[in-house]
ModelCIF file with pLDDT and N, C-alpha, C, O atoms, coordinates in Angstrom:
data_MODEL
#
_entry.id   MODEL 
#
_entity.id                         1 
_entity.type                       polymer 
_entity.pdbx_number_of_molecules   1 
#
_entity_poly.entity_id                      1 
_entity_poly.type                           'polypeptide(L)' 
_entity_poly.nstd_linkage                   no 
_entity_poly.nstd_monomer                   no 
_entity_poly.pdbx_seq_one_letter_code       LFSAKPVETQLPPEDAKHALGALLVRAAKADNAYLYEEVEV 
_entity_poly.pdbx_seq_one_letter_code_can   LFSAKPVETQLPPEDAKHALGALLVRAAKADNAYLYEEVEV 
_entity_poly.pdbx_strand_id                 A 
#
loop_
_entity_poly_seq.entity_id 
_entity_poly_seq.num 
_entity_poly_seq.mon_id 
_entity_poly_seq.hetero 
1 1  LEU n 
1 2  PHE n 
1 3  SER n 
1 4  ALA n 
1 5  LYS n 
1 6  PRO n 
1 7  VAL n 
1 8  GLU n 
1 9  THR n 
1 10 GLN n 
1 11 LEU n 
1 12 PRO n 
1 13 PRO n 
1 14 GLU n 
1 15 ASP n 
1 16 ALA n 
1 17 LYS n 
1 18 HIS n 
1 19 ALA n 
1 20 LEU n 
1 21 GLY n 
1 22 ALA n 
1 23 LEU n 
1 24 LEU n 
1 25 VAL n 
1 26 ARG n 
1 27 ALA n 
1 28 ALA n 
1 29 LYS n 
1 30 ALA n 
1 31 ASP n 
1 32 ASN n 
1 33 ALA n 
1 34 TYR n 
1 35 LEU n 
1 36 TYR n 
1 37 GLU n 
1 38 GLU n 
1 39 VAL n 
1 40 GLU n 
1 41 VAL n 
#
_struct_asym.id          A 
_struct_asym.entity_id   1 
#
loop_
_ma_qa_metric.id 
_ma_qa_metric.mode 
_ma_qa_metric.name 
_ma_qa_metric.software_group_id 
_ma_qa_metric.type 
1 global pLDDT . pLDDT 
2 local  pLDDT . pLDDT 
#
_ma_qa_metric_global.metric_id      1 
_ma_qa_metric_global.metric_value   80.68 
_ma_qa_metric_global.model_id       1 
_ma_qa_metric_global.ordinal_id     1 
#
loop_
_ma_qa_metric_local.label_asym_id 
_ma_qa_metric_local.label_comp_id 
_ma_qa_metric_local.label_seq_id 
_ma_qa_metric_local.metric_id 
_ma_qa_metric_local.metric_value 
_ma_qa_metric_local.model_id 
_ma_qa_metric_local.ordinal_id 
A LEU 1  2 47.00 1 1  
A PHE 2  2 52.00 1 2  
A SER 3  2 53.00 1 3  
A ALA 4  2 46.00 1 4  
A LYS 5  2 48.00 1 5  
A PRO 6  2 45.00 1 6  
A VAL 7  2 40.00 1 7  
A GLU 8  2 47.00 1 8  
A THR 9  2 47.00 1 9  
A GLN 10 2 55.00 1 10 
A LEU 11 2 49.00 1 11 
A PRO 12 2 59.00 1 12 
A PRO 13 2 60.00 1 13 
A GLU 14 2 69.00 1 14 
A ASP 15 2 90.00 1 15 
A ALA 16 2 92.00 1 16 
A LYS 17 2 94.00 1 17 
A HIS 18 2 95.00 1 18 
A ALA 19 2 96.00 1 19 
A LEU 20 2 97.00 1 20 
A GLY 21 2 97.00 1 21 
A ALA 22 2 97.00 1 22 
A LEU 23 2 98.00 1 23 
A LEU 24 2 98.00 1 24 
A VAL 25 2 98.00 1 25 
A ARG 26 2 98.00 1 26 
A ALA 27 2 97.00 1 27 
A ALA 28 2 97.00 1 28 
A LYS 29 2 97.00 1 29 
A ALA 30 2 96.00 1 30 
A ASP 31 2 94.00 1 31 
A ASN 32 2 94.00 1 32 
A ALA 33 2 93.00 1 33 
A TYR 34 2 95.00 1 34 
A LEU 35 2 95.00 1 35 
A TYR 36 2 96.00 1 36 
A GLU 37 2 96.00 1 37 
A GLU 38 2 97.00 1 38 
A VAL 39 2 98.00 1 39 
A GLU 40 2 98.00 1 40 
A VAL 41 2 98.00 1 41 
#
loop_
_atom_site.group_PDB 
_atom_site.id 
_atom_site.type_symbol 
_atom_site.label_atom_id 
_atom_site.label_alt_id 
_atom_site.label_comp_id 
_atom_site.label_asym_id 
_atom_site.label_entity_id 
_atom_site.label_seq_id 
_atom_site.pdbx_PDB_ins_code 
_atom_site.Cartn_x 
_atom_site.Cartn_y 
_atom_site.Cartn_z 
_atom_site.occupancy 
_atom_site.B_iso_or_equiv 
_atom_site.pdbx_formal_charge 
_atom_site.auth_seq_id 
_atom_site.auth_comp_id 
_atom_site.auth_asym_id 
_atom_site.auth_atom_id 
_atom_site.pdbx_PDB_model_num 
ATOM 1   N N  . LEU A 1 1  ? 0.824   -1.209 0.000   1.00 47.00 ? 1  LEU A N  1 
ATOM 2   C CA . LEU A 1 1  ? 0.000   0.000  0.000   1.00 47.00 ? 1  LEU A CA 1 
ATOM 3   C C  . LEU A 1 1  ? 0.860   1.263  0.000   1.00 47.00 ? 1  LEU A C  1 
ATOM 4   O O  . LEU A 1 1  ? 0.553   2.232  -0.694  1.00 47.00 ? 1  LEU A O  1 
ATOM 5   N N  . PHE A 1 2  ? 1.925   1.244  0.773   1.00 52.00 ? 2  PHE A N  1 
ATOM 6   C CA . PHE A 1 2  ? 2.781   2.413  0.881   1.00 52.00 ? 2  PHE A CA 1 
ATOM 7   C C  . PHE A 1 2  ? 3.731   2.572  -0.292  1.00 52.00 ? 2  PHE A C  1 
ATOM 8   O O  . PHE A 1 2  ? 4.200   3.677  -0.564  1.00 52.00 ? 2  PHE A O  1 
ATOM 9   N N  . SER A 1 3  ? 4.015   1.496  -0.981  1.00 53.00 ? 3  SER A N  1 
ATOM 10  C CA . SER A 1 3  ? 4.941   1.580  -2.103  1.00 53.00 ? 3  SER A CA 1 
ATOM 11  C C  . SER A 1 3  ? 4.205   1.728  -3.444  1.00 53.00 ? 3  SER A C  1 
ATOM 12  O O  . SER A 1 3  ? 4.836   1.898  -4.488  1.00 53.00 ? 3  SER A O  1 
ATOM 13  N N  . ALA A 1 4  ? 2.897   1.663  -3.405  1.00 46.00 ? 4  ALA A N  1 
ATOM 14  C CA . ALA A 1 4  ? 2.136   1.789  -4.652  1.00 46.00 ? 4  ALA A CA 1 
ATOM 15  C C  . ALA A 1 4  ? 2.286   3.192  -5.225  1.00 46.00 ? 4  ALA A C  1 
ATOM 16  O O  . ALA A 1 4  ? 2.405   4.176  -4.494  1.00 46.00 ? 4  ALA A O  1 
ATOM 17  N N  . LYS A 1 5  ? 2.277   3.255  -6.544  1.00 48.00 ? 5  LYS A N  1 
ATOM 18  C CA . LYS A 1 5  ? 2.376   4.546  -7.204  1.00 48.00 ? 5  LYS A CA 1 
ATOM 19  C C  . LYS A 1 5  ? 1.085   5.330  -6.956  1.00 48.00 ? 5  LYS A C  1 
ATOM 20  O O  . LYS A 1 5  ? -0.002  4.754  -6.976  1.00 48.00 ? 5  LYS A O  1 
ATOM 21  N N  . PRO A 1 6  ? 1.198   6.630  -6.725  1.00 45.00 ? 6  PRO A N  1 
ATOM 22  C CA . PRO A 1 6  ? -0.020  7.409  -6.518  1.00 45.00 ? 6  PRO A CA 1 
ATOM 23  C C  . PRO A 1 6  ? -0.844  7.482  -7.804  1.00 45.00 ? 6  PRO A C  1 
ATOM 24  O O  . PRO A 1 6  ? -0.308  7.496  -8.912  1.00 45.00 ? 6  PRO A O  1 
ATOM 25  N N  . VAL A 1 7  ? -2.131  7.528  -7.621  1.00 40.00 ? 7  VAL A N  1 
ATOM 26  C CA . VAL A 1 7  ? -3.029  7.635  -8.759  1.00 40.00 ? 7  VAL A CA 1 
ATOM 27  C C  . VAL A 1 7  ? -3.007  9.082  -9.240  1.00 40.00 ? 7  VAL A C  1 
ATOM 28  O O  . VAL A 1 7  ? -3.211  10.010 -8.458  1.00 40.00 ? 7  VAL A O  1 
ATOM 29  N N  . GLU A 1 8  ? -2.760  9.260  -10.517 1.00 47.00 ? 8  GLU A N  1 
ATOM 30  C CA . GLU A 1 8  ? -2.740  10.609 -11.073 1.00 47.00 ? 8  GLU A CA 1 
ATOM 31  C C  . GLU A 1 8  ? -4.057  10.877 -11.770 1.00 47.00 ? 8  GLU A C  1 
ATOM 32  O O  . GLU A 1 8  ? -4.547  10.058 -12.547 1.00 47.00 ? 8  GLU A O  1 
ATOM 33  N N  . THR A 1 9  ? -4.614  12.025 -11.481 1.00 47.00 ? 9  THR A N  1 
ATOM 34  C CA . THR A 1 9  ? -5.868  12.429 -12.105 1.00 47.00 ? 9  THR A CA 1 
ATOM 35  C C  . THR A 1 9  ? -5.535  13.319 -13.289 1.00 47.00 ? 9  THR A C  1 
ATOM 36  O O  . THR A 1 9  ? -4.758  14.266 -13.173 1.00 47.00 ? 9  THR A O  1 
ATOM 37  N N  . GLN A 1 10 ? -6.128  13.004 -14.421 1.00 55.00 ? 10 GLN A N  1 
ATOM 38  C CA . GLN A 1 10 ? -5.862  13.777 -15.623 1.00 55.00 ? 10 GLN A CA 1 
ATOM 39  C C  . GLN A 1 10 ? -6.596  15.115 -15.549 1.00 55.00 ? 10 GLN A C  1 
ATOM 40  O O  . GLN A 1 10 ? -7.752  15.186 -15.131 1.00 55.00 ? 10 GLN A O  1 
ATOM 41  N N  . LEU A 1 11 ? -5.907  16.160 -15.959 1.00 49.00 ? 11 LEU A N  1 
ATOM 42  C CA . LEU A 1 11 ? -6.511  17.484 -15.986 1.00 49.00 ? 11 LEU A CA 1 
ATOM 43  C C  . LEU A 1 11 ? -7.530  17.575 -17.107 1.00 49.00 ? 11 LEU A C  1 
ATOM 44  O O  . LEU A 1 11 ? -7.384  16.934 -18.149 1.00 49.00 ? 11 LEU A O  1 
ATOM 45  N N  . PRO A 1 12 ? -8.571  18.382 -16.883 1.00 59.00 ? 12 PRO A N  1 
ATOM 46  C CA . PRO A 1 12 ? -9.524  18.586 -17.966 1.00 59.00 ? 12 PRO A CA 1 
ATOM 47  C C  . PRO A 1 12 ? -8.887  19.431 -19.059 1.00 59.00 ? 12 PRO A C  1 
ATOM 48  O O  . PRO A 1 12 ? -7.836  20.036 -18.843 1.00 59.00 ? 12 PRO A O  1 
ATOM 49  N N  . PRO A 1 13 ? -9.504  19.477 -20.211 1.00 60.00 ? 13 PRO A N  1 
ATOM 50  C CA . PRO A 1 13 ? -8.950  20.319 -21.282 1.00 60.00 ? 13 PRO A CA 1 
ATOM 51  C C  . PRO A 1 13 ? -9.030  21.792 -20.902 1.00 60.00 ? 13 PRO A C  1 
ATOM 52  O O  . PRO A 1 13 ? -9.928  22.216 -20.174 1.00 60.00 ? 13 PRO A O  1 
ATOM 53  N N  . GLU A 1 14 ? -8.090  22.548 -21.402 1.00 69.00 ? 14 GLU A N  1 
ATOM 54  C CA . GLU A 1 14 ? -8.077  23.987 -21.137 1.00 69.00 ? 14 GLU A CA 1 
ATOM 55  C C  . GLU A 1 14 ? -8.961  24.660 -22.180 1.00 69.00 ? 14 GLU A C  1 
ATOM 56  O O  . GLU A 1 14 ? -8.479  25.361 -23.069 1.00 69.00 ? 14 GLU A O  1 
ATOM 57  N N  . ASP A 1 15 ? -10.260 24.430 -22.051 1.00 90.00 ? 15 ASP A N  1 
ATOM 58  C CA . ASP A 1 15 ? -11.224 25.024 -22.966 1.00 90.00 ? 15 ASP A CA 1 
ATOM 59  C C  . ASP A 1 15 ? -12.060 26.057 -22.212 1.00 90.00 ? 15 ASP A C  1 
ATOM 60  O O  . ASP A 1 15 ? -11.922 26.214 -20.998 1.00 90.00 ? 15 ASP A O  1 
ATOM 61  N N  . ALA A 1 16 ? -12.911 26.747 -22.931 1.00 92.00 ? 16 ALA A N  1 
ATOM 62  C CA . ALA A 1 16 ? -13.695 27.827 -22.327 1.00 92.00 ? 16 ALA A CA 1 
ATOM 63  C C  . ALA A 1 16 ? -14.619 27.314 -21.226 1.00 92.00 ? 16 ALA A C  1 
ATOM 64  O O  . ALA A 1 16 ? -14.774 27.966 -20.194 1.00 92.00 ? 16 ALA A O  1 
ATOM 65  N N  . LYS A 1 17 ? -15.234 26.148 -21.438 1.00 94.00 ? 17 LYS A N  1 
ATOM 66  C CA . LYS A 1 17 ? -16.141 25.613 -20.420 1.00 94.00 ? 17 LYS A CA 1 
ATOM 67  C C  . LYS A 1 17 ? -15.408 25.377 -19.102 1.00 94.00 ? 17 LYS A C  1 
ATOM 68  O O  . LYS A 1 17 ? -15.894 25.758 -18.037 1.00 94.00 ? 17 LYS A O  1 
ATOM 69  N N  . HIS A 1 18 ? -14.250 24.753 -19.181 1.00 95.00 ? 18 HIS A N  1 
ATOM 70  C CA . HIS A 1 18 ? -13.508 24.432 -17.965 1.00 95.00 ? 18 HIS A CA 1 
ATOM 71  C C  . HIS A 1 18 ? -12.815 25.670 -17.385 1.00 95.00 ? 18 HIS A C  1 
ATOM 72  O O  . HIS A 1 18 ? -12.657 25.782 -16.170 1.00 95.00 ? 18 HIS A O  1 
ATOM 73  N N  . ALA A 1 19 ? -12.405 26.593 -18.252 1.00 96.00 ? 19 ALA A N  1 
ATOM 74  C CA . ALA A 1 19 ? -11.794 27.829 -17.745 1.00 96.00 ? 19 ALA A CA 1 
ATOM 75  C C  . ALA A 1 19 ? -12.805 28.639 -16.956 1.00 96.00 ? 19 ALA A C  1 
ATOM 76  O O  . ALA A 1 19 ? -12.475 29.182 -15.902 1.00 96.00 ? 19 ALA A O  1 
ATOM 77  N N  . LEU A 1 20 ? -14.045 28.727 -17.455 1.00 97.00 ? 20 LEU A N  1 
ATOM 78  C CA . LEU A 1 20 ? -15.074 29.431 -16.700 1.00 97.00 ? 20 LEU A CA 1 
ATOM 79  C C  . LEU A 1 20 ? -15.345 28.719 -15.385 1.00 97.00 ? 20 LEU A C  1 
ATOM 80  O O  . LEU A 1 20 ? -15.472 29.362 -14.342 1.00 97.00 ? 20 LEU A O  1 
ATOM 81  N N  . GLY A 1 21 ? -15.433 27.408 -15.427 1.00 97.00 ? 21 GLY A N  1 
ATOM 82  C CA . GLY A 1 21 ? -15.629 26.641 -14.193 1.00 97.00 ? 21 GLY A CA 1 
ATOM 83  C C  . GLY A 1 21 ? -14.511 26.876 -13.198 1.00 97.00 ? 21 GLY A C  1 
ATOM 84  O O  . GLY A 1 21 ? -14.759 27.018 -12.000 1.00 97.00 ? 21 GLY A O  1 
ATOM 85  N N  . ALA A 1 22 ? -13.281 26.918 -13.686 1.00 97.00 ? 22 ALA A N  1 
ATOM 86  C CA . ALA A 1 22 ? -12.136 27.184 -12.803 1.00 97.00 ? 22 ALA A CA 1 
ATOM 87  C C  . ALA A 1 22 ? -12.222 28.585 -12.209 1.00 97.00 ? 22 ALA A C  1 
ATOM 88  O O  . ALA A 1 22 ? -11.880 28.786 -11.044 1.00 97.00 ? 22 ALA A O  1 
ATOM 89  N N  . LEU A 1 23 ? -12.676 29.550 -12.998 1.00 98.00 ? 23 LEU A N  1 
ATOM 90  C CA . LEU A 1 23 ? -12.857 30.912 -12.464 1.00 98.00 ? 23 LEU A CA 1 
ATOM 91  C C  . LEU A 1 23 ? -13.972 30.947 -11.426 1.00 98.00 ? 23 LEU A C  1 
ATOM 92  O O  . LEU A 1 23 ? -13.875 31.682 -10.444 1.00 98.00 ? 23 LEU A O  1 
ATOM 93  N N  . LEU A 1 24 ? -15.022 30.168 -11.629 1.00 98.00 ? 24 LEU A N  1 
ATOM 94  C CA . LEU A 1 24 ? -16.087 30.086 -10.622 1.00 98.00 ? 24 LEU A CA 1 
ATOM 95  C C  . LEU A 1 24 ? -15.532 29.560 -9.302  1.00 98.00 ? 24 LEU A C  1 
ATOM 96  O O  . LEU A 1 24 ? -15.838 30.090 -8.233  1.00 98.00 ? 24 LEU A O  1 
ATOM 97  N N  . VAL A 1 25 ? -14.721 28.522 -9.388  1.00 98.00 ? 25 VAL A N  1 
ATOM 98  C CA . VAL A 1 25 ? -14.094 27.954 -8.186  1.00 98.00 ? 25 VAL A CA 1 
ATOM 99  C C  . VAL A 1 25 ? -13.169 28.985 -7.540  1.00 98.00 ? 25 VAL A C  1 
ATOM 100 O O  . VAL A 1 25 ? -13.174 29.154 -6.321  1.00 98.00 ? 25 VAL A O  1 
ATOM 101 N N  . ARG A 1 26 ? -12.378 29.671 -8.363  1.00 98.00 ? 26 ARG A N  1 
ATOM 102 C CA . ARG A 1 26 ? -11.457 30.683 -7.842  1.00 98.00 ? 26 ARG A CA 1 
ATOM 103 C C  . ARG A 1 26 ? -12.217 31.806 -7.134  1.00 98.00 ? 26 ARG A C  1 
ATOM 104 O O  . ARG A 1 26 ? -11.788 32.283 -6.084  1.00 98.00 ? 26 ARG A O  1 
ATOM 105 N N  . ALA A 1 27 ? -13.338 32.224 -7.706  1.00 97.00 ? 27 ALA A N  1 
ATOM 106 C CA . ALA A 1 27 ? -14.149 33.264 -7.069  1.00 97.00 ? 27 ALA A CA 1 
ATOM 107 C C  . ALA A 1 27 ? -14.661 32.788 -5.707  1.00 97.00 ? 27 ALA A C  1 
ATOM 108 O O  . ALA A 1 27 ? -14.675 33.551 -4.742  1.00 97.00 ? 27 ALA A O  1 
ATOM 109 N N  . ALA A 1 28 ? -15.078 31.532 -5.639  1.00 97.00 ? 28 ALA A N  1 
ATOM 110 C CA . ALA A 1 28 ? -15.569 30.985 -4.376  1.00 97.00 ? 28 ALA A CA 1 
ATOM 111 C C  . ALA A 1 28 ? -14.465 30.895 -3.327  1.00 97.00 ? 28 ALA A C  1 
ATOM 112 O O  . ALA A 1 28 ? -14.718 31.077 -2.136  1.00 97.00 ? 28 ALA A O  1 
ATOM 113 N N  . LYS A 1 29 ? -13.256 30.617 -3.766  1.00 97.00 ? 29 LYS A N  1 
ATOM 114 C CA . LYS A 1 29 ? -12.127 30.462 -2.838  1.00 97.00 ? 29 LYS A CA 1 
ATOM 115 C C  . LYS A 1 29 ? -11.436 31.783 -2.500  1.00 97.00 ? 29 LYS A C  1 
ATOM 116 O O  . LYS A 1 29 ? -10.565 31.810 -1.631  1.00 97.00 ? 29 LYS A O  1 
ATOM 117 N N  . ALA A 1 30 ? -11.801 32.865 -3.158  1.00 96.00 ? 30 ALA A N  1 
ATOM 118 C CA . ALA A 1 30 ? -11.073 34.135 -3.011  1.00 96.00 ? 30 ALA A CA 1 
ATOM 119 C C  . ALA A 1 30 ? -11.041 34.642 -1.581  1.00 96.00 ? 30 ALA A C  1 
ATOM 120 O O  . ALA A 1 30 ? -10.086 35.312 -1.188  1.00 96.00 ? 30 ALA A O  1 
ATOM 121 N N  . ASP A 1 31 ? -12.062 34.338 -0.799  1.00 94.00 ? 31 ASP A N  1 
ATOM 122 C CA . ASP A 1 31 ? -12.105 34.805 0.592   1.00 94.00 ? 31 ASP A CA 1 
ATOM 123 C C  . ASP A 1 31 ? -11.554 33.762 1.561   1.00 94.00 ? 31 ASP A C  1 
ATOM 124 O O  . ASP A 1 31 ? -11.778 33.842 2.769   1.00 94.00 ? 31 ASP A O  1 
ATOM 125 N N  . ASN A 1 32 ? -10.835 32.787 1.018   1.00 94.00 ? 32 ASN A N  1 
ATOM 126 C CA . ASN A 1 32 ? -10.220 31.709 1.803   1.00 94.00 ? 32 ASN A CA 1 
ATOM 127 C C  . ASN A 1 32 ? -11.235 30.822 2.505   1.00 94.00 ? 32 ASN A C  1 
ATOM 128 O O  . ASN A 1 32 ? -10.915 30.187 3.510   1.00 94.00 ? 32 ASN A O  1 
ATOM 129 N N  . ALA A 1 33 ? -12.450 30.774 1.987   1.00 93.00 ? 33 ALA A N  1 
ATOM 130 C CA . ALA A 1 33 ? -13.481 29.880 2.500   1.00 93.00 ? 33 ALA A CA 1 
ATOM 131 C C  . ALA A 1 33 ? -14.250 29.337 1.302   1.00 93.00 ? 33 ALA A C  1 
ATOM 132 O O  . ALA A 1 33 ? -14.867 30.095 0.554   1.00 93.00 ? 33 ALA A O  1 
ATOM 133 N N  . TYR A 1 34 ? -14.209 28.046 1.130   1.00 95.00 ? 34 TYR A N  1 
ATOM 134 C CA . TYR A 1 34 ? -14.896 27.400 0.012   1.00 95.00 ? 34 TYR A CA 1 
ATOM 135 C C  . TYR A 1 34 ? -16.091 26.682 0.615   1.00 95.00 ? 34 TYR A C  1 
ATOM 136 O O  . TYR A 1 34 ? -15.987 25.531 1.041   1.00 95.00 ? 34 TYR A O  1 
ATOM 137 N N  . LEU A 1 35 ? -17.225 27.365 0.648   1.00 95.00 ? 35 LEU A N  1 
ATOM 138 C CA . LEU A 1 35 ? -18.381 26.902 1.397   1.00 95.00 ? 35 LEU A CA 1 
ATOM 139 C C  . LEU A 1 35 ? -19.383 26.139 0.542   1.00 95.00 ? 35 LEU A C  1 
ATOM 140 O O  . LEU A 1 35 ? -19.411 26.266 -0.682  1.00 95.00 ? 35 LEU A O  1 
ATOM 141 N N  . TYR A 1 36 ? -20.200 25.350 1.216   1.00 96.00 ? 36 TYR A N  1 
ATOM 142 C CA . TYR A 1 36 ? -21.205 24.535 0.548   1.00 96.00 ? 36 TYR A CA 1 
ATOM 143 C C  . TYR A 1 36 ? -22.122 25.382 -0.336  1.00 96.00 ? 36 TYR A C  1 
ATOM 144 O O  . TYR A 1 36 ? -22.450 24.980 -1.452  1.00 96.00 ? 36 TYR A O  1 
ATOM 145 N N  . GLU A 1 37 ? -22.532 26.536 0.151   1.00 96.00 ? 37 GLU A N  1 
ATOM 146 C CA . GLU A 1 37 ? -23.430 27.397 -0.621  1.00 96.00 ? 37 GLU A CA 1 
ATOM 147 C C  . GLU A 1 37 ? -22.804 27.789 -1.959  1.00 96.00 ? 37 GLU A C  1 
ATOM 148 O O  . GLU A 1 37 ? -23.491 27.860 -2.978  1.00 96.00 ? 37 GLU A O  1 
ATOM 149 N N  . GLU A 1 38 ? -21.510 28.039 -1.946  1.00 97.00 ? 38 GLU A N  1 
ATOM 150 C CA . GLU A 1 38 ? -20.800 28.403 -3.171  1.00 97.00 ? 38 GLU A CA 1 
ATOM 151 C C  . GLU A 1 38 ? -20.698 27.209 -4.118  1.00 97.00 ? 38 GLU A C  1 
ATOM 152 O O  . GLU A 1 38 ? -20.897 27.349 -5.325  1.00 97.00 ? 38 GLU A O  1 
ATOM 153 N N  . VAL A 1 39 ? -20.390 26.047 -3.574  1.00 98.00 ? 39 VAL A N  1 
ATOM 154 C CA . VAL A 1 39 ? -20.299 24.821 -4.370  1.00 98.00 ? 39 VAL A CA 1 
ATOM 155 C C  . VAL A 1 39 ? -21.648 24.531 -5.023  1.00 98.00 ? 39 VAL A C  1 
ATOM 156 O O  . VAL A 1 39 ? -21.717 24.160 -6.195  1.00 98.00 ? 39 VAL A O  1 
ATOM 157 N N  . GLU A 1 40 ? -22.708 24.703 -4.255  1.00 98.00 ? 40 GLU A N  1 
ATOM 158 C CA . GLU A 1 40 ? -24.060 24.461 -4.756  1.00 98.00 ? 40 GLU A CA 1 
ATOM 159 C C  . GLU A 1 40 ? -24.387 25.394 -5.933  1.00 98.00 ? 40 GLU A C  1 
ATOM 160 O O  . GLU A 1 40 ? -24.958 24.962 -6.934  1.00 98.00 ? 40 GLU A O  1 
ATOM 161 N N  . VAL A 1 41 ? -24.022 26.663 -5.802  1.00 98.00 ? 41 VAL A N  1 
ATOM 162 C CA . VAL A 1 41 ? -24.270 27.627 -6.877  1.00 98.00 ? 41 VAL A CA 1 
ATOM 163 C C  . VAL A 1 41 ? -23.417 27.296 -8.105  1.00 98.00 ? 41 VAL A C  1 
ATOM 164 O O  . VAL A 1 41 ? -23.489 27.997 -9.114  1.00 98.00 ? 41 VAL A O  1 
#
């Protein structure tokens, strides 16, 4: 278990849909609190 290679998650494409989503996440995290209400929105 300890010597197993870590699972790598592939990044999404750097397209407009995902860039906007990333900006939404960044806006939610800007105040150093990523809250359920923000995730829900």
